[in-house]
Amino acid sequence: MTSPLFEILAAAELPNPTGILQVGASYGQEIQSFVDAGITTGLLIEPLPEPFAHIAAWCKRTSGFIAFNALCADSSGEKHKFYVANNGGQSSSIMKPGKHLEIFDYVKFNETLEISSTTVDEILRFLIQQGHGDTTKKLDTLYMDVQGAEYKVLLGAPHTLKQINYVFSELIRGDLYENSVSLSNYCSLLDAQGFTLNYLKFNKYHHADMLFVRKKLLSL
């Protein structure tokens, strides 16, 4: 799967990232596009065991990339019901499926897991303690696809966001998952952290790619 991030950055005449922090890495569908864009540093976070094993095997063969098995949310130690989708886990989320069950009726959520959460900030602190500081300090892009739980991830990453230049994320509207967070909430939270919305494009299924850019890169 090709990531649109690099085309979006090129169109805006913005520099490529130095390192990708991906939350919701799944089976690593975007990894090749990262490599093709010249990314040599990455942290790939995935909660489900099978896709995590896949990206962990890839990271073992590739210097500069770390795989981490965790569920990121807004707090640590909280138990979440994780709704596992039958499409290779790609639609899985801690957010309960809503209209997703009707619009994408071929995707079933027949399994749930109870998983304790951590936060992005805690993962980076742990990796630094384990001697991976050279990798973590190069991460300047937060890349998220966690099916409606992106806002929770951001709430758990205030310290990490200080080193981030780009926040690239999926946005879902229309109650595909219950308790969806509005775009205005994302804009408010990230504006306070020094970012501005620089790209937003929806498809017919109410999914959007959105890119927030640190204001200083835009001379704002």
Protein backbone atom coordinates (compact mmCIF):
# COMPACT_ATOMS: atom_id res chain seq x y z
CA MET A 1 0.00 0.00 0.00
CA THR A 2 1.41 3.37 -1.04
CA SER A 3 1.19 6.15 1.50
CA PRO A 4 -0.03 9.51 0.14
CA LEU A 5 2.00 11.38 2.76
CA PHE A 6 5.04 11.98 0.61
CA GLU A 7 3.07 13.23 -2.39
CA ILE A 8 1.21 15.63 -0.09
CA LEU A 9 4.48 16.94 1.35
CA ALA A 10 6.00 17.32 -2.10
CA ALA A 11 2.98 19.25 -3.37
CA ALA A 12 3.31 21.62 -0.42
CA GLU A 13 7.07 21.88 -1.01
CA LEU A 14 7.77 20.57 2.49
CA PRO A 15 10.77 18.40 3.39
CA ASN A 16 10.44 14.68 3.93
CA PRO A 17 10.46 13.34 7.49
CA THR A 18 13.60 12.04 9.12
CA GLY A 19 11.78 9.32 11.04
CA ILE A 20 8.28 7.83 11.21
CA LEU A 21 6.46 6.95 14.42
CA GLN A 22 3.56 4.82 13.20
CA VAL A 23 0.72 3.91 15.56
CA GLY A 24 -1.45 1.16 14.12
CA ALA A 25 1.17 -0.32 11.81
CA SER A 26 -0.88 -3.45 11.04
CA TYR A 27 1.11 -5.75 8.72
CA GLY A 28 3.36 -2.93 7.59
CA GLN A 29 1.49 -2.12 4.40
CA GLU A 30 3.12 1.33 4.22
CA ILE A 31 6.66 0.23 5.07
CA GLN A 32 7.83 -0.03 1.48
CA SER A 33 6.58 3.47 0.70
CA PHE A 34 8.51 4.73 3.75
CA VAL A 35 11.68 3.07 2.50
CA ASP A 36 11.14 4.27 -1.07
CA ALA A 37 10.86 7.84 0.28
CA GLY A 38 14.24 7.51 1.95
CA ILE A 39 13.05 7.00 5.52
CA THR A 40 15.74 5.13 7.47
CA THR A 41 14.36 5.43 11.01
CA GLY A 42 11.02 4.23 12.29
CA LEU A 43 9.04 3.02 15.29
CA LEU A 44 6.15 0.76 14.28
CA ILE A 45 3.53 0.15 16.99
CA GLU A 46 0.85 -2.53 16.64
CA PRO A 47 -1.35 -4.19 19.32
CA LEU A 48 -2.48 -7.41 17.57
CA PRO A 49 -0.07 -10.36 17.88
CA GLU A 50 -0.16 -11.68 14.31
CA PRO A 51 0.47 -8.43 12.42
CA PHE A 52 2.98 -7.40 15.06
CA ALA A 53 4.96 -10.61 14.47
CA HIS A 54 5.07 -9.73 10.78
CA ILE A 55 6.48 -6.23 11.26
CA ALA A 56 8.80 -7.42 14.04
CA ALA A 57 10.38 -9.92 11.64
CA TRP A 58 10.86 -7.14 9.09
CA CYS A 59 12.43 -4.82 11.66
CA LYS A 60 14.89 -7.51 12.73
CA ARG A 61 16.23 -7.50 9.17
CA THR A 62 16.28 -3.70 8.86
CA SER A 63 18.50 -1.42 10.91
CA GLY A 64 16.97 1.79 12.18
CA PHE A 65 13.45 0.40 12.60
CA ILE A 66 11.88 -0.86 15.84
CA ALA A 67 8.63 -2.80 16.25
CA PHE A 68 6.67 -2.42 19.49
CA ASN A 69 3.67 -4.52 20.56
CA ALA A 70 1.29 -2.19 22.38
CA LEU A 71 -2.11 -0.56 22.38
CA CYS A 72 -1.73 3.23 22.52
CA ALA A 73 -4.44 5.37 24.09
CA ASP A 74 -4.74 8.38 26.37
CA SER A 75 -3.65 6.62 29.56
CA SER A 76 -1.63 3.64 30.74
CA GLY A 77 -2.91 0.56 32.50
CA GLU A 78 -6.50 0.99 31.38
CA LYS A 79 -8.21 -2.14 30.09
CA HIS A 80 -9.93 -1.67 26.74
CA LYS A 81 -12.25 -3.91 24.78
CA PHE A 82 -10.56 -4.24 21.41
CA TYR A 83 -12.93 -5.04 18.53
CA VAL A 84 -11.06 -7.31 16.11
CA ALA A 85 -12.11 -7.15 12.45
CA ASN A 86 -11.97 -10.10 10.10
CA ASN A 87 -10.21 -8.14 7.32
CA GLY A 88 -6.75 -8.93 8.62
CA GLY A 89 -7.42 -6.69 11.60
CA GLN A 90 -7.29 -3.53 9.48
CA SER A 91 -10.62 -2.18 10.80
CA SER A 92 -9.94 -3.20 14.39
CA SER A 93 -10.31 -0.57 17.08
CA ILE A 94 -10.98 0.20 20.72
CA MET A 95 -13.87 2.27 19.39
CA LYS A 96 -17.09 0.26 19.10
CA PRO A 97 -18.21 -0.18 15.48
CA GLY A 98 -21.27 1.88 14.57
CA LYS A 99 -22.39 2.50 11.00
CA HIS A 100 -19.32 0.57 9.89
CA LEU A 101 -21.44 -2.55 10.38
CA GLU A 102 -23.92 -1.32 7.76
CA ILE A 103 -21.70 0.46 5.24
CA PHE A 104 -19.04 -2.25 5.23
CA ASP A 105 -21.30 -5.20 6.03
CA TYR A 106 -18.71 -7.65 4.73
CA VAL A 107 -16.39 -6.70 7.60
CA LYS A 108 -17.29 -8.58 10.75
CA PHE A 109 -16.21 -7.97 14.33
CA ASN A 110 -16.73 -11.45 15.75
CA GLU A 111 -13.86 -11.33 18.23
CA THR A 112 -13.00 -8.99 21.07
CA LEU A 113 -9.85 -8.88 23.17
CA GLU A 114 -9.20 -7.18 26.47
CA ILE A 115 -5.95 -5.24 26.14
CA SER A 116 -4.31 -2.88 28.60
CA SER A 117 -3.23 0.41 27.09
CA THR A 118 -0.07 2.43 27.29
CA THR A 119 0.78 5.81 25.79
CA VAL A 120 3.16 6.98 23.09
CA ASP A 121 5.04 9.03 25.67
CA GLU A 122 5.59 5.98 27.87
CA ILE A 123 6.80 3.86 24.96
CA LEU A 124 9.39 6.46 23.98
CA ARG A 125 10.55 6.82 27.59
CA PHE A 126 10.95 3.05 27.81
CA LEU A 127 12.89 2.84 24.55
CA ILE A 128 15.23 5.62 25.66
CA GLN A 129 15.87 3.71 28.90
CA GLN A 130 16.66 0.63 26.81
CA GLY A 131 19.32 2.45 24.83
CA HIS A 132 17.31 3.42 21.74
CA GLY A 133 17.61 7.17 22.23
CA ASP A 134 19.43 7.63 18.91
CA THR A 135 16.39 6.19 17.13
CA THR A 136 13.67 7.95 19.10
CA LYS A 137 15.20 11.42 18.72
CA LYS A 138 14.99 11.12 14.92
CA LEU A 139 11.23 10.57 14.94
CA ASP A 140 9.64 13.74 13.61
CA THR A 141 6.42 12.40 12.09
CA LEU A 142 3.48 10.82 13.91
CA TYR A 143 1.58 8.58 11.49
CA MET A 144 -1.71 7.15 12.79
CA ASP A 145 -4.36 4.75 11.57
CA VAL A 146 -6.22 3.41 14.58
CA GLN A 147 -9.80 3.53 13.33
CA GLY A 148 -11.27 6.46 15.22
CA ALA A 149 -9.01 6.31 18.28
CA GLU A 150 -6.45 8.80 16.95
CA TYR A 151 -7.56 11.53 19.36
CA LYS A 152 -6.85 9.23 22.31
CA VAL A 153 -3.37 8.56 20.95
CA LEU A 154 -2.70 12.29 20.75
CA LEU A 155 -3.86 12.83 24.33
CA GLY A 156 -1.25 10.29 25.40
CA ALA A 157 1.58 11.96 23.49
CA PRO A 158 2.02 15.57 24.72
CA HIS A 159 5.75 15.18 25.38
CA THR A 160 6.42 13.33 22.11
CA LEU A 161 4.54 15.95 20.10
CA LYS A 162 7.18 18.50 21.06
CA GLN A 163 9.66 16.79 18.68
CA ILE A 164 7.11 16.15 15.92
CA ASN A 165 6.84 18.24 12.74
CA TYR A 166 4.07 16.34 10.97
CA VAL A 167 0.95 14.56 12.24
CA PHE A 168 -0.53 12.43 9.47
CA SER A 169 -3.71 10.65 10.37
CA GLU A 170 -6.90 9.06 9.23
CA LEU A 171 -10.06 10.93 10.21
CA ILE A 172 -13.41 9.15 10.31
CA ARG A 173 -16.74 10.96 10.40
CA GLY A 174 -20.36 9.85 10.25
CA ASP A 175 -20.35 7.56 13.29
CA LEU A 176 -18.64 4.67 11.54
CA TYR A 177 -17.37 4.05 15.06
CA GLU A 178 -19.24 5.22 18.14
CA ASN A 179 -18.21 8.41 19.93
CA SER A 180 -16.26 9.81 16.99
CA VAL A 181 -14.21 12.94 17.67
CA SER A 182 -14.85 15.91 15.41
CA LEU A 183 -12.29 17.64 13.23
CA SER A 184 -12.65 20.79 15.32
CA ASN A 185 -11.42 18.91 18.39
CA TYR A 186 -8.33 17.73 16.53
CA CYS A 187 -7.66 21.26 15.30
CA SER A 188 -8.04 22.72 18.78
CA LEU A 189 -5.79 20.15 20.44
CA LEU A 190 -3.04 20.34 17.85
CA ASP A 191 -3.20 24.12 17.46
CA ALA A 192 -2.32 24.36 21.15
CA GLN A 193 0.69 22.13 20.43
CA GLY A 194 1.91 24.38 17.62
CA PHE A 195 0.37 22.70 14.56
CA THR A 196 -2.01 23.80 11.83
CA LEU A 197 -4.17 21.73 9.50
CA ASN A 198 -2.51 21.78 6.08
CA TYR A 199 -4.32 19.01 4.17
CA LEU A 200 -7.69 17.25 4.38
CA LYS A 201 -9.37 15.03 1.81
CA PHE A 202 -12.42 12.80 2.33
CA ASN A 203 -13.54 9.86 0.22
CA LYS A 204 -17.14 8.73 -0.25
CA TYR A 205 -16.91 6.46 2.79
CA HIS A 206 -16.27 9.39 5.16
CA HIS A 207 -12.61 8.50 5.61
CA ALA A 208 -10.07 11.29 5.22
CA ASP A 209 -6.34 11.69 5.21
CA MET A 210 -5.35 14.75 7.21
CA LEU A 211 -1.99 16.35 7.70
CA PHE A 212 -1.10 18.77 10.47
CA VAL A 213 2.16 20.65 10.06
CA ARG A 214 4.17 22.47 12.70
CA LYS A 215 3.49 26.15 12.15
CA LYS A 216 7.14 27.19 12.17
CA LEU A 217 7.75 25.05 9.05
CA LEU A 218 5.15 27.19 7.29
CA SER A 219 6.51 30.45 8.76
CA LEU A 220 3.28 30.90 10.74
